[in-house]
Amino acid sequence: LRLLSVAGEYRDIETGLHTRRIGEYARETALLLGWDKVNAER
């Protein structure tokens, strides 16, 4: 999935750090919702 997301970045005006940030936001939000660490990392 990481490699696939990298592949997608080559055709997008948004940077790889945009997709990285989305993952970080999502993980922190999931933890705030009470998700366990494993699913938050997923």
Full PDB file with SEQRES, HELIX, SHEET, SSBOND, CRYST1, ORIGX, SCALE, CONECT and MASTER records, all heavy atoms in Angstrom:
SEQRES   1 A   42  LEU ARG LEU LEU SER VAL ALA GLY GLU TYR ARG ASP ILE          
SEQRES   2 A   42  GLU THR GLY LEU HIS THR ARG ARG ILE GLY GLU TYR ALA          
SEQRES   3 A   42  ARG GLU THR ALA LEU LEU LEU GLY TRP ASP LYS VAL ASN          
SEQRES   4 A   42  ALA GLU ARG                                                  
HELIX    1 AA1 ARG A    2  GLU A    9  1                                   8    
HELIX    2 AA2 GLY A   16  LEU A   32  1                                  17    
HELIX    3 AA3 LYS A   37  GLU A   41  1                                   5    
CRYST1    1.000    1.000    1.000  90.00  90.00  90.00 P 1           1          
ORIGX1      1.000000  0.000000  0.000000        0.00000                         
ORIGX2      0.000000  1.000000  0.000000        0.00000                         
ORIGX3      0.000000  0.000000  1.000000        0.00000                         
SCALE1      1.000000  0.000000  0.000000        0.00000                         
SCALE2      0.000000  1.000000  0.000000        0.00000                         
SCALE3      0.000000  0.000000  1.000000        0.00000                         
ATOM      1  N   LEU A   1       0.826  -1.202   0.000  1.00  0.00           N  
ATOM      2  CA  LEU A   1       0.000   0.000   0.000  1.00  0.00           C  
ATOM      3  C   LEU A   1       0.863   1.256   0.000  1.00  0.00           C  
ATOM      4  O   LEU A   1       0.532   2.256  -0.651  1.00  0.00           O  
ATOM      5  CB  LEU A   1      -0.931   0.003   1.206  1.00  0.00           C  
ATOM      6  CG  LEU A   1      -2.009  -1.081   1.222  1.00  0.00           C  
ATOM      7  CD1 LEU A   1      -2.861  -0.961   2.478  1.00  0.00           C  
ATOM      8  CD2 LEU A   1      -2.895  -1.006  -0.004  1.00  0.00           C  
ATOM      9  N   ARG A   2       1.973   1.210   0.713  1.00  0.00           N  
ATOM     10  CA  ARG A   2       2.878   2.367   0.721  1.00  0.00           C  
ATOM     11  C   ARG A   2       3.425   2.632  -0.680  1.00  0.00           C  
ATOM     12  O   ARG A   2       3.454   3.772  -1.155  1.00  0.00           O  
ATOM     13  CB  ARG A   2       4.037   2.131   1.692  1.00  0.00           C  
ATOM     14  CG  ARG A   2       4.923   3.366   1.898  1.00  0.00           C  
ATOM     15  CD  ARG A   2       6.184   3.024   2.654  1.00  0.00           C  
ATOM     16  NE  ARG A   2       7.062   2.182   1.860  1.00  0.00           N  
ATOM     17  CZ  ARG A   2       7.870   2.651   0.915  1.00  0.00           C  
ATOM     18  NH1 ARG A   2       7.893   3.938   0.614  1.00  0.00           N  
ATOM     19  NH2 ARG A   2       8.660   1.830   0.239  1.00  0.00           N  
ATOM     20  N   LEU A   3       3.854   1.553  -1.353  1.00  0.00           N  
ATOM     21  CA  LEU A   3       4.386   1.709  -2.706  1.00  0.00           C  
ATOM     22  C   LEU A   3       3.306   2.203  -3.661  1.00  0.00           C  
ATOM     23  O   LEU A   3       3.581   3.000  -4.570  1.00  0.00           O  
ATOM     24  CB  LEU A   3       4.977   0.373  -3.197  1.00  0.00           C  
ATOM     25  CG  LEU A   3       6.232  -0.105  -2.469  1.00  0.00           C  
ATOM     26  CD1 LEU A   3       6.605  -1.499  -2.922  1.00  0.00           C  
ATOM     27  CD2 LEU A   3       7.389   0.862  -2.715  1.00  0.00           C  
ATOM     28  N   LEU A   4       2.082   1.736  -3.466  1.00  0.00           N  
ATOM     29  CA  LEU A   4       0.990   2.181  -4.322  1.00  0.00           C  
ATOM     30  C   LEU A   4       0.718   3.665  -4.119  1.00  0.00           C  
ATOM     31  O   LEU A   4       0.480   4.406  -5.082  1.00  0.00           O  
ATOM     32  CB  LEU A   4      -0.266   1.366  -4.018  1.00  0.00           C  
ATOM     33  CG  LEU A   4      -1.467   1.547  -4.956  1.00  0.00           C  
ATOM     34  CD1 LEU A   4      -1.084   1.243  -6.396  1.00  0.00           C  
ATOM     35  CD2 LEU A   4      -2.612   0.636  -4.512  1.00  0.00           C  
ATOM     36  N   SER A   5       0.776   4.112  -2.863  1.00  0.00           N  
ATOM     37  CA  SER A   5       0.547   5.533  -2.607  1.00  0.00           C  
ATOM     38  C   SER A   5       1.664   6.378  -3.219  1.00  0.00           C  
ATOM     39  O   SER A   5       1.418   7.474  -3.732  1.00  0.00           O  
ATOM     40  CB  SER A   5       0.445   5.811  -1.107  1.00  0.00           C  
ATOM     41  OG  SER A   5       1.670   5.594  -0.452  1.00  0.00           O  
ATOM     42  N   VAL A   6       2.883   5.867  -3.191  1.00  0.00           N  
ATOM     43  CA  VAL A   6       4.007   6.571  -3.827  1.00  0.00           C  
ATOM     44  C   VAL A   6       3.788   6.672  -5.328  1.00  0.00           C  
ATOM     45  O   VAL A   6       4.014   7.721  -5.939  1.00  0.00           O  
ATOM     46  CB  VAL A   6       5.347   5.861  -3.520  1.00  0.00           C  
ATOM     47  CG1 VAL A   6       6.465   6.425  -4.387  1.00  0.00           C  
ATOM     48  CG2 VAL A   6       5.689   6.000  -2.047  1.00  0.00           C  
ATOM     49  N   ALA A   7       3.309   5.574  -5.915  1.00  0.00           N  
ATOM     50  CA  ALA A   7       3.044   5.592  -7.354  1.00  0.00           C  
ATOM     51  C   ALA A   7       2.012   6.650  -7.703  1.00  0.00           C  
ATOM     52  O   ALA A   7       2.125   7.352  -8.721  1.00  0.00           O  
ATOM     53  CB  ALA A   7       2.559   4.221  -7.814  1.00  0.00           C  
ATOM     54  N   GLY A   8       0.990   6.783  -6.861  1.00  0.00           N  
ATOM     55  CA  GLY A   8      -0.040   7.775  -7.120  1.00  0.00           C  
ATOM     56  C   GLY A   8       0.467   9.198  -7.077  1.00  0.00           C  
ATOM     57  O   GLY A   8      -0.058  10.088  -7.756  1.00  0.00           O  
ATOM     58  N   GLU A   9       1.507   9.441  -6.285  1.00  0.00           N  
ATOM     59  CA  GLU A   9       2.028  10.794  -6.144  1.00  0.00           C  
ATOM     60  C   GLU A   9       2.673  11.319  -7.422  1.00  0.00           C  
ATOM     61  O   GLU A   9       2.751  12.531  -7.630  1.00  0.00           O  
ATOM     62  CB  GLU A   9       3.054  10.829  -5.002  1.00  0.00           C  
ATOM     63  CG  GLU A   9       2.429  10.612  -3.622  1.00  0.00           C  
ATOM     64  CD  GLU A   9       3.445  10.166  -2.594  1.00  0.00           C  
ATOM     65  OE1 GLU A   9       4.659  10.239  -2.892  1.00  0.00           O  
ATOM     66  OE2 GLU A   9       3.026   9.740  -1.498  1.00  0.00           O  
ATOM     67  N   TYR A  10       3.127  10.434  -8.298  1.00  0.00           N  
ATOM     68  CA  TYR A  10       3.830  10.878  -9.497  1.00  0.00           C  
ATOM     69  C   TYR A  10       2.917  11.619 -10.471  1.00  0.00           C  
ATOM     70  O   TYR A  10       3.384  12.362 -11.315  1.00  0.00           O  
ATOM     71  CB  TYR A  10       4.482   9.684 -10.201  1.00  0.00           C  
ATOM     72  CG  TYR A  10       5.742   9.233  -9.514  1.00  0.00           C  
ATOM     73  CD1 TYR A  10       5.750   8.085  -8.725  1.00  0.00           C  
ATOM     74  CD2 TYR A  10       6.917   9.959  -9.606  1.00  0.00           C  
ATOM     75  CE1 TYR A  10       6.891   7.663  -8.075  1.00  0.00           C  
ATOM     76  CE2 TYR A  10       8.075   9.552  -8.949  1.00  0.00           C  
ATOM     77  CZ  TYR A  10       8.058   8.409  -8.188  1.00  0.00           C  
ATOM     78  OH  TYR A  10       9.191   8.003  -7.531  1.00  0.00           O  
ATOM     79  N   ARG A  11       1.589  11.413 -10.354  1.00  0.00           N  
ATOM     80  CA  ARG A  11       0.681  12.086 -11.276  1.00  0.00           C  
ATOM     81  C   ARG A  11      -0.162  13.141 -10.582  1.00  0.00           C  
ATOM     82  O   ARG A  11      -1.082  13.693 -11.170  1.00  0.00           O  
ATOM     83  CB  ARG A  11      -0.247  11.070 -11.960  1.00  0.00           C  
ATOM     84  CG  ARG A  11       0.476  10.085 -12.832  1.00  0.00           C  
ATOM     85  CD  ARG A  11      -0.483   9.397 -13.770  1.00  0.00           C  
ATOM     86  NE  ARG A  11      -1.127  10.330 -14.680  1.00  0.00           N  
ATOM     87  CZ  ARG A  11      -2.418  10.692 -14.606  1.00  0.00           C  
ATOM     88  NH1 ARG A  11      -3.188  10.209 -13.677  1.00  0.00           N  
ATOM     89  NH2 ARG A  11      -2.927  11.536 -15.479  1.00  0.00           N  
ATOM     90  N   ASP A  12       0.124  13.418  -9.330  1.00  0.00           N  
ATOM     91  CA  ASP A  12      -0.722  14.330  -8.572  1.00  0.00           C  
ATOM     92  C   ASP A  12       0.055  15.597  -8.248  1.00  0.00           C  
ATOM     93  O   ASP A  12       1.250  15.556  -7.950  1.00  0.00           O  
ATOM     94  CB  ASP A  12      -1.175  13.643  -7.268  1.00  0.00           C  
ATOM     95  CG  ASP A  12      -2.406  14.304  -6.666  1.00  0.00           C  
ATOM     96  OD1 ASP A  12      -2.666  15.466  -7.009  1.00  0.00           O  
ATOM     97  OD2 ASP A  12      -3.087  13.645  -5.872  1.00  0.00           O  
ATOM     98  N   ILE A  13      -0.634  16.719  -8.280  1.00  0.00           N  
ATOM     99  CA  ILE A  13       0.030  17.979  -7.933  1.00  0.00           C  
ATOM    100  C   ILE A  13       0.307  18.046  -6.438  1.00  0.00           C  
ATOM    101  O   ILE A  13       1.109  18.863  -5.985  1.00  0.00           O  
ATOM    102  CB  ILE A  13      -0.836  19.189  -8.353  1.00  0.00           C  
ATOM    103  CG1 ILE A  13      -2.216  19.140  -7.680  1.00  0.00           C  
ATOM    104  CG2 ILE A  13      -0.963  19.264  -9.858  1.00  0.00           C  
ATOM    105  CD1 ILE A  13      -3.064  20.381  -7.930  1.00  0.00           C  
ATOM    106  N   GLU A  14      -0.362  17.214  -5.663  1.00  0.00           N  
ATOM    107  CA  GLU A  14      -0.132  17.206  -4.226  1.00  0.00           C  
ATOM    108  C   GLU A  14       1.117  16.378  -3.919  1.00  0.00           C  
ATOM    109  O   GLU A  14       1.392  15.382  -4.580  1.00  0.00           O  
ATOM    110  CB  GLU A  14      -1.351  16.634  -3.506  1.00  0.00           C  
ATOM    111  CG  GLU A  14      -2.576  17.517  -3.679  1.00  0.00           C  
ATOM    112  CD  GLU A  14      -3.849  16.857  -3.208  1.00  0.00           C  
ATOM    113  OE1 GLU A  14      -3.870  15.621  -3.123  1.00  0.00           O  
ATOM    114  OE2 GLU A  14      -4.803  17.589  -2.940  1.00  0.00           O  
ATOM    115  N   THR A  15       1.856  16.783  -2.910  1.00  0.00           N  
ATOM    116  CA  THR A  15       3.128  16.135  -2.603  1.00  0.00           C  
ATOM    117  C   THR A  15       2.926  14.873  -1.786  1.00  0.00           C  
ATOM    118  O   THR A  15       1.864  14.635  -1.211  1.00  0.00           O  
ATOM    119  CB  THR A  15       4.025  17.089  -1.792  1.00  0.00           C  
ATOM    120  OG1 THR A  15       3.459  17.246  -0.487  1.00  0.00           O  
ATOM    121  CG2 THR A  15       4.148  18.441  -2.472  1.00  0.00           C  
ATOM    122  N   GLY A  16       4.012  14.084  -1.722  1.00  0.00           N  
ATOM    123  CA  GLY A  16       3.994  12.895  -0.893  1.00  0.00           C  
ATOM    124  C   GLY A  16       3.785  13.227   0.566  1.00  0.00           C  
ATOM    125  O   GLY A  16       3.219  12.426   1.315  1.00  0.00           O  
ATOM    126  N   LEU A  17       4.216  14.426   0.989  1.00  0.00           N  
ATOM    127  CA  LEU A  17       4.000  14.799   2.381  1.00  0.00           C  
ATOM    128  C   LEU A  17       2.533  15.091   2.667  1.00  0.00           C  
ATOM    129  O   LEU A  17       2.094  14.981   3.805  1.00  0.00           O  
ATOM    130  CB  LEU A  17       4.876  16.005   2.738  1.00  0.00           C  
ATOM    131  CG  LEU A  17       6.358  15.665   2.876  1.00  0.00           C  
ATOM    132  CD1 LEU A  17       7.177  16.914   3.122  1.00  0.00           C  
ATOM    133  CD2 LEU A  17       6.586  14.663   4.010  1.00  0.00           C  
ATOM    134  N   HIS A  18       1.770  15.464   1.642  1.00  0.00           N  
ATOM    135  CA  HIS A  18       0.319  15.591   1.833  1.00  0.00           C  
ATOM    136  C   HIS A  18      -0.262  14.230   2.226  1.00  0.00           C  
ATOM    137  O   HIS A  18      -1.015  14.127   3.200  1.00  0.00           O  
ATOM    138  CB  HIS A  18      -0.357  16.090   0.557  1.00  0.00           C  
ATOM    139  CG  HIS A  18      -1.837  15.828   0.524  1.00  0.00           C  
ATOM    140  ND1 HIS A  18      -2.739  16.508   1.309  1.00  0.00           N  
ATOM    141  CD2 HIS A  18      -2.575  14.920  -0.199  1.00  0.00           C  
ATOM    142  CE1 HIS A  18      -3.966  16.052   1.070  1.00  0.00           C  
ATOM    143  NE2 HIS A  18      -3.897  15.088   0.176  1.00  0.00           N  
ATOM    144  N   THR A  19       0.074  13.181   1.478  1.00  0.00           N  
ATOM    145  CA  THR A  19      -0.474  11.862   1.795  1.00  0.00           C  
ATOM    146  C   THR A  19       0.059  11.373   3.141  1.00  0.00           C  
ATOM    147  O   THR A  19      -0.662  10.725   3.895  1.00  0.00           O  
ATOM    148  CB  THR A  19      -0.152  10.845   0.689  1.00  0.00           C  
ATOM    149  OG1 THR A  19       1.267  10.743   0.511  1.00  0.00           O  
ATOM    150  CG2 THR A  19      -0.781  11.263  -0.629  1.00  0.00           C  
ATOM    151  N   ARG A  20       1.308  11.694   3.450  1.00  0.00           N  
ATOM    152  CA  ARG A  20       1.861  11.317   4.751  1.00  0.00           C  
ATOM    153  C   ARG A  20       1.075  11.997   5.876  1.00  0.00           C  
ATOM    154  O   ARG A  20       0.733  11.368   6.887  1.00  0.00           O  
ATOM    155  CB  ARG A  20       3.335  11.724   4.820  1.00  0.00           C  
ATOM    156  CG  ARG A  20       4.000  11.537   6.192  1.00  0.00           C  
ATOM    157  CD  ARG A  20       4.235  10.094   6.533  1.00  0.00           C  
ATOM    158  NE  ARG A  20       4.815   9.919   7.836  1.00  0.00           N  
ATOM    159  CZ  ARG A  20       6.125   9.967   8.107  1.00  0.00           C  
ATOM    160  NH1 ARG A  20       6.991  10.214   7.119  1.00  0.00           N  
ATOM    161  NH2 ARG A  20       6.579   9.770   9.321  1.00  0.00           N  
ATOM    162  N   ARG A  21       0.772  13.280   5.689  1.00  0.00           N  
ATOM    163  CA  ARG A  21       0.021  14.004   6.722  1.00  0.00           C  
ATOM    164  C   ARG A  21      -1.374  13.409   6.906  1.00  0.00           C  
ATOM    165  O   ARG A  21      -1.854  13.294   8.037  1.00  0.00           O  
ATOM    166  CB  ARG A  21      -0.076  15.495   6.362  1.00  0.00           C  
ATOM    167  CG  ARG A  21       1.238  16.248   6.463  1.00  0.00           C  
ATOM    168  CD  ARG A  21       1.023  17.752   6.405  1.00  0.00           C  
ATOM    169  NE  ARG A  21       0.442  18.200   5.142  1.00  0.00           N  
ATOM    170  CZ  ARG A  21       1.128  18.605   4.086  1.00  0.00           C  
ATOM    171  NH1 ARG A  21       2.468  18.596   4.119  1.00  0.00           N  
ATOM    172  NH2 ARG A  21       0.509  19.035   3.002  1.00  0.00           N  
ATOM    173  N   ILE A  22      -2.017  13.043   5.797  1.00  0.00           N  
ATOM    174  CA  ILE A  22      -3.355  12.452   5.910  1.00  0.00           C  
ATOM    175  C   ILE A  22      -3.307  11.196   6.778  1.00  0.00           C  
ATOM    176  O   ILE A  22      -4.172  10.977   7.631  1.00  0.00           O  
ATOM    177  CB  ILE A  22      -3.925  12.114   4.516  1.00  0.00           C  
ATOM    178  CG1 ILE A  22      -4.146  13.388   3.692  1.00  0.00           C  
ATOM    179  CG2 ILE A  22      -5.244  11.339   4.637  1.00  0.00           C  
ATOM    180  CD1 ILE A  22      -5.145  14.351   4.284  1.00  0.00           C  
ATOM    181  N   GLY A  23      -2.274  10.374   6.572  1.00  0.00           N  
ATOM    182  CA  GLY A  23      -2.126   9.177   7.402  1.00  0.00           C  
ATOM    183  C   GLY A  23      -1.913   9.515   8.864  1.00  0.00           C  
ATOM    184  O   GLY A  23      -2.496   8.873   9.758  1.00  0.00           O  
ATOM    185  N   GLU A  24      -1.095  10.538   9.127  1.00  0.00           N  
ATOM    186  CA  GLU A  24      -0.830  10.938  10.513  1.00  0.00           C  
ATOM    187  C   GLU A  24      -2.094  11.497  11.172  1.00  0.00           C  
ATOM    188  O   GLU A  24      -2.420  11.162  12.312  1.00  0.00           O  
ATOM    189  CB  GLU A  24       0.289  11.987  10.546  1.00  0.00           C  
ATOM    190  CG  GLU A  24       1.641  11.479  10.070  1.00  0.00           C  
ATOM    191  CD  GLU A  24       2.283  10.514  11.038  1.00  0.00           C  
ATOM    192  OE1 GLU A  24       2.017  10.629  12.254  1.00  0.00           O  
ATOM    193  OE2 GLU A  24       3.066   9.663  10.593  1.00  0.00           O  
ATOM    194  N   TYR A  25      -2.809  12.387  10.458  1.00  0.00           N  
ATOM    195  CA  TYR A  25      -4.063  12.912  11.011  1.00  0.00           C  
ATOM    196  C   TYR A  25      -5.028  11.775  11.336  1.00  0.00           C  
ATOM    197  O   TYR A  25      -5.688  11.769  12.378  1.00  0.00           O  
ATOM    198  CB  TYR A  25      -4.777  13.814   9.997  1.00  0.00           C  
ATOM    199  CG  TYR A  25      -4.068  15.040   9.497  1.00  0.00           C  
ATOM    200  CD1 TYR A  25      -4.181  15.413   8.147  1.00  0.00           C  
ATOM    201  CD2 TYR A  25      -3.317  15.867  10.332  1.00  0.00           C  
ATOM    202  CE1 TYR A  25      -3.578  16.552   7.648  1.00  0.00           C  
ATOM    203  CE2 TYR A  25      -2.698  17.003   9.842  1.00  0.00           C  
ATOM    204  CZ  TYR A  25      -2.825  17.348   8.495  1.00  0.00           C  
ATOM    205  OH  TYR A  25      -2.225  18.464   8.001  1.00  0.00           O  
ATOM    206  N   ALA A  26      -5.146  10.841  10.385  1.00  0.00           N  
ATOM    207  CA  ALA A  26      -6.127   9.751  10.538  1.00  0.00           C  
ATOM    208  C   ALA A  26      -5.788   8.882  11.743  1.00  0.00           C  
ATOM    209  O   ALA A  26      -6.681   8.486  12.512  1.00  0.00           O  
ATOM    210  CB  ALA A  26      -6.181   8.905   9.268  1.00  0.00           C  
ATOM    211  N   ARG A  27      -4.513   8.589  11.906  1.00  0.00           N  
ATOM    212  CA  ARG A  27      -4.099   7.768  13.050  1.00  0.00           C  
ATOM    213  C   ARG A  27      -4.443   8.456  14.364  1.00  0.00           C  
ATOM    214  O   ARG A  27      -5.030   7.839  15.271  1.00  0.00           O  
ATOM    215  CB  ARG A  27      -2.606   7.502  12.988  1.00  0.00           C  
ATOM    216  CG  ARG A  27      -2.059   6.732  14.197  1.00  0.00           C  
ATOM    217  CD  ARG A  27      -0.545   6.549  14.100  1.00  0.00           C  
ATOM    218  NE  ARG A  27      -0.044   5.842  15.263  1.00  0.00           N  
ATOM    219  CZ  ARG A  27       0.262   6.424  16.435  1.00  0.00           C  
ATOM    220  NH1 ARG A  27       0.095   7.729  16.583  1.00  0.00           N  
ATOM    221  NH2 ARG A  27       0.710   5.703  17.444  1.00  0.00           N  
ATOM    222  N   GLU A  28      -4.092   9.746  14.477  1.00  0.00           N  
ATOM    223  CA  GLU A  28      -4.355  10.463  15.723  1.00  0.00           C  
ATOM    224  C   GLU A  28      -5.857  10.590  15.987  1.00  0.00           C  
ATOM    225  O   GLU A  28      -6.313  10.484  17.133  1.00  0.00           O  
ATOM    226  CB  GLU A  28      -3.705  11.854  15.669  1.00  0.00           C  
ATOM    227  CG  GLU A  28      -2.185  11.819  15.653  1.00  0.00           C  
ATOM    228  CD  GLU A  28      -1.605  11.134  16.869  1.00  0.00           C  
ATOM    229  OE1 GLU A  28      -2.105  11.385  17.989  1.00  0.00           O  
ATOM    230  OE2 GLU A  28      -0.662  10.334  16.723  1.00  0.00           O  
ATOM    231  N   THR A  29      -6.629  10.810  14.934  1.00  0.00           N  
ATOM    232  CA  THR A  29      -8.085  10.914  15.105  1.00  0.00           C  
ATOM    233  C   THR A  29      -8.672   9.586  15.563  1.00  0.00           C  
ATOM    234  O   THR A  29      -9.542   9.537  16.437  1.00  0.00           O  
ATOM    235  CB  THR A  29      -8.746  11.360  13.792  1.00  0.00           C  
ATOM    236  OG1 THR A  29      -8.175  12.606  13.369  1.00  0.00           O  
ATOM    237  CG2 THR A  29     -10.249  11.534  13.969  1.00  0.00           C  
ATOM    238  N   ALA A  30      -8.194   8.487  14.965  1.00  0.00           N  
ATOM    239  CA  ALA A  30      -8.675   7.162  15.362  1.00  0.00           C  
ATOM    240  C   ALA A  30      -8.374   6.893  16.837  1.00  0.00           C  
ATOM    241  O   ALA A  30      -9.223   6.368  17.576  1.00  0.00           O  
ATOM    242  CB  ALA A  30      -8.035   6.092  14.480  1.00  0.00           C  
ATOM    243  N   LEU A  31      -7.196   7.274  17.286  1.00  0.00           N  
ATOM    244  CA  LEU A  31      -6.846   7.087  18.696  1.00  0.00           C  
ATOM    245  C   LEU A  31      -7.743   7.935  19.593  1.00  0.00           C  
ATOM    246  O   LEU A  31      -8.181   7.490  20.664  1.00  0.00           O  
ATOM    247  CB  LEU A  31      -5.373   7.437  18.923  1.00  0.00           C  
ATOM    248  CG  LEU A  31      -4.354   6.464  18.321  1.00  0.00           C  
ATOM    249  CD1 LEU A  31      -2.941   7.028  18.455  1.00  0.00           C  
ATOM    250  CD2 LEU A  31      -4.437   5.093  18.987  1.00  0.00           C  
ATOM    251  N   LEU A  32      -8.031   9.153  19.163  1.00  0.00           N  
ATOM    252  CA  LEU A  32      -8.930  10.013  19.942  1.00  0.00           C  
ATOM    253  C   LEU A  32     -10.335   9.419  20.022  1.00  0.00           C  
ATOM    254  O   LEU A  32     -11.048   9.613  21.009  1.00  0.00           O  
ATOM    255  CB  LEU A  32      -8.993  11.409  19.315  1.00  0.00           C  
ATOM    256  CG  LEU A  32      -7.732  12.269  19.450  1.00  0.00           C  
ATOM    257  CD1 LEU A  32      -7.832  13.509  18.568  1.00  0.00           C  
ATOM    258  CD2 LEU A  32      -7.502  12.674  20.902  1.00  0.00           C  
ATOM    259  N   LEU A  33     -10.722   8.673  18.983  1.00  0.00           N  
ATOM    260  CA  LEU A  33     -12.026   8.010  18.971  1.00  0.00           C  
ATOM    261  C   LEU A  33     -12.053   6.754  19.830  1.00  0.00           C  
ATOM    262  O   LEU A  33     -13.110   6.149  20.016  1.00  0.00           O  
ATOM    263  CB  LEU A  33     -12.417   7.645  17.538  1.00  0.00           C  
ATOM    264  CG  LEU A  33     -12.980   8.764  16.675  1.00  0.00           C  
ATOM    265  CD1 LEU A  33     -13.049   8.322  15.217  1.00  0.00           C  
ATOM    266  CD2 LEU A  33     -14.373   9.176  17.155  1.00  0.00           C  
ATOM    267  N   GLY A  34     -10.875   6.345  20.329  1.00  0.00           N  
ATOM    268  CA  GLY A  34     -10.808   5.164  21.174  1.00  0.00           C  
ATOM    269  C   GLY A  34     -10.391   3.895  20.459  1.00  0.00           C  
ATOM    270  O   GLY A  34     -10.486   2.803  21.021  1.00  0.00           O  
ATOM    271  N   TRP A  35      -9.928   4.028  19.208  1.00  0.00           N  
ATOM    272  CA  TRP A  35      -9.439   2.844  18.499  1.00  0.00           C  
ATOM    273  C   TRP A  35      -8.199   2.315  19.191  1.00  0.00           C  
ATOM    274  O   TRP A  35      -7.428   3.077  19.787  1.00  0.00           O  
ATOM    275  CB  TRP A  35      -9.094   3.186  17.050  1.00  0.00           C  
ATOM    276  CG  TRP A  35     -10.251   3.421  16.142  1.00  0.00           C  
ATOM    277  CD1 TRP A  35     -11.484   3.908  16.478  1.00  0.00           C  
ATOM    278  CD2 TRP A  35     -10.287   3.210  14.722  1.00  0.00           C  
ATOM    279  NE1 TRP A  35     -12.278   4.006  15.371  1.00  0.00           N  
ATOM    280  CE2 TRP A  35     -11.572   3.585  14.277  1.00  0.00           C  
ATOM    281  CE3 TRP A  35      -9.365   2.745  13.799  1.00  0.00           C  
ATOM    282  CZ2 TRP A  35     -11.946   3.509  12.945  1.00  0.00           C  
ATOM    283  CZ3 TRP A  35      -9.730   2.669  12.459  1.00  0.00           C  
ATOM    284  CH2 TRP A  35     -11.004   3.036  12.047  1.00  0.00           C  
ATOM    285  N   ASP A  36      -7.988   1.002  19.080  1.00  0.00           N  
ATOM    286  CA  ASP A  36      -6.749   0.437  19.597  1.00  0.00           C  
ATOM    287  C   ASP A  36      -5.596   0.802  18.663  1.00  0.00           C  
ATOM    288  O   ASP A  36      -5.785   1.216  17.515  1.00  0.00           O  
ATOM    289  CB  ASP A  36      -6.854  -1.089  19.754  1.00  0.00           C  
ATOM    290  CG  ASP A  36      -7.137  -1.777  18.429  1.00  0.00           C  
ATOM    291  OD1 ASP A  36      -6.213  -1.891  17.601  1.00  0.00           O  
ATOM    292  OD2 ASP A  36      -8.294  -2.189  18.212  1.00  0.00           O  
ATOM    293  N   LYS A  37      -4.383   0.644  19.173  1.00  0.00           N  
ATOM    294  CA  LYS A  37      -3.189   1.071  18.446  1.00  0.00           C  
ATOM    295  C   LYS A  37      -3.045   0.349  17.113  1.00  0.00           C  
ATOM    296  O   LYS A  37      -2.649   0.947  16.097  1.00  0.00           O  
ATOM    297  CB  LYS A  37      -1.952   0.822  19.308  1.00  0.00           C  
ATOM    298  CG  LYS A  37      -0.652   1.281  18.672  1.00  0.00           C  
ATOM    299  CD  LYS A  37       0.528   1.027  19.603  1.00  0.00           C  
ATOM    300  CE  LYS A  37       1.836   1.427  18.941  1.00  0.00           C  
ATOM    301  NZ  LYS A  37       3.000   1.130  19.825  1.00  0.00           N  
ATOM    302  N   VAL A  38      -3.376  -0.956  17.084  1.00  0.00           N  
ATOM    303  CA  VAL A  38      -3.201  -1.742  15.857  1.00  0.00           C  
ATOM    304  C   VAL A  38      -4.070  -1.193  14.733  1.00  0.00           C  
ATOM    305  O   VAL A  38      -3.597  -0.964  13.612  1.00  0.00           O  
ATOM    306  CB  VAL A  38      -3.522  -3.230  16.113  1.00  0.00           C  
ATOM    307  CG1 VAL A  38      -3.551  -4.005  14.796  1.00  0.00           C  
ATOM    308  CG2 VAL A  38      -2.489  -3.837  17.053  1.00  0.00           C  
ATOM    309  N   ASN A  39      -5.344  -0.963  15.011  1.00  0.00           N  
ATOM    310  CA  ASN A  39      -6.235  -0.469  13.962  1.00  0.00           C  
ATOM    311  C   ASN A  39      -5.950   0.989  13.610  1.00  0.00           C  
ATOM    312  O   ASN A  39      -6.142   1.402  12.465  1.00  0.00           O  
ATOM    313  CB  ASN A  39      -7.691  -0.657  14.363  1.00  0.00           C  
ATOM    314  CG  ASN A  39      -8.166  -2.080  14.111  1.00  0.00           C  
ATOM    315  OD1 ASN A  39      -8.085  -2.579  12.997  1.00  0.00           O  
ATOM    316  ND2 ASN A  39      -8.648  -2.740  15.148  1.00  0.00           N  
ATOM    317  N   ALA A  40      -5.487   1.770  14.589  1.00  0.00           N  
ATOM    318  CA  ALA A  40      -5.090   3.144  14.281  1.00  0.00           C  
ATOM    319  C   ALA A  40      -3.909   3.162  13.311  1.00  0.00           C  
ATOM    320  O   ALA A  40      -3.846   3.993  12.399  1.00  0.00           O  
ATOM    321  CB  ALA A  40      -4.730   3.883  15.570  1.00  0.00           C  
ATOM    322  N   GLU A  41      -2.987   2.228  13.487  1.00  0.00           N  
ATOM    323  CA  GLU A  41      -1.849   2.152  12.570  1.00  0.00           C  
ATOM    324  C   GLU A  41      -2.279   1.631  11.202  1.00  0.00           C  
ATOM    325  O   GLU A  41      -1.703   1.999  10.178  1.00  0.00           O  
ATOM    326  CB  GLU A  41      -0.760   1.265  13.172  1.00  0.00           C  
ATOM    327  CG  GLU A  41      -0.071   1.919  14.368  1.00  0.00           C  
ATOM    328  CD  GLU A  41       0.975   1.038  15.014  1.00  0.00           C  
ATOM    329  OE1 GLU A  41       1.067  -0.164  14.640  1.00  0.00           O  
ATOM    330  OE2 GLU A  41       1.705   1.540  15.885  1.00  0.00           O  
ATOM    331  N   ARG A  42      -3.309   0.796  11.180  1.00  0.00           N  
ATOM    332  CA  ARG A  42      -3.818   0.321   9.888  1.00  0.00           C  
ATOM    333  C   ARG A  42      -4.435   1.456   9.086  1.00  0.00           C  
ATOM    334  O   ARG A  42      -4.202   1.567   7.873  1.00  0.00           O  
ATOM    335  CB  ARG A  42      -4.841  -0.795  10.119  1.00  0.00           C  
ATOM    336  CG  ARG A  42      -4.231  -2.118  10.535  1.00  0.00           C  
ATOM    337  CD  ARG A  42      -5.277  -3.096  11.011  1.00  0.00           C  
ATOM    338  NE  ARG A  42      -4.702  -4.412  11.290  1.00  0.00           N  
ATOM    339  CZ  ARG A  42      -5.267  -5.332  12.045  1.00  0.00           C  
ATOM    340  NH1 ARG A  42      -6.451  -5.089  12.609  1.00  0.00           N  
ATOM    341  NH2 ARG A  42      -4.685  -6.491  12.255  1.00  0.00           N  
TER     342      ARG A  42                                                      
MASTER        0    0    0    3    0    0    0    6  341    1    0    4          
END                                                                             
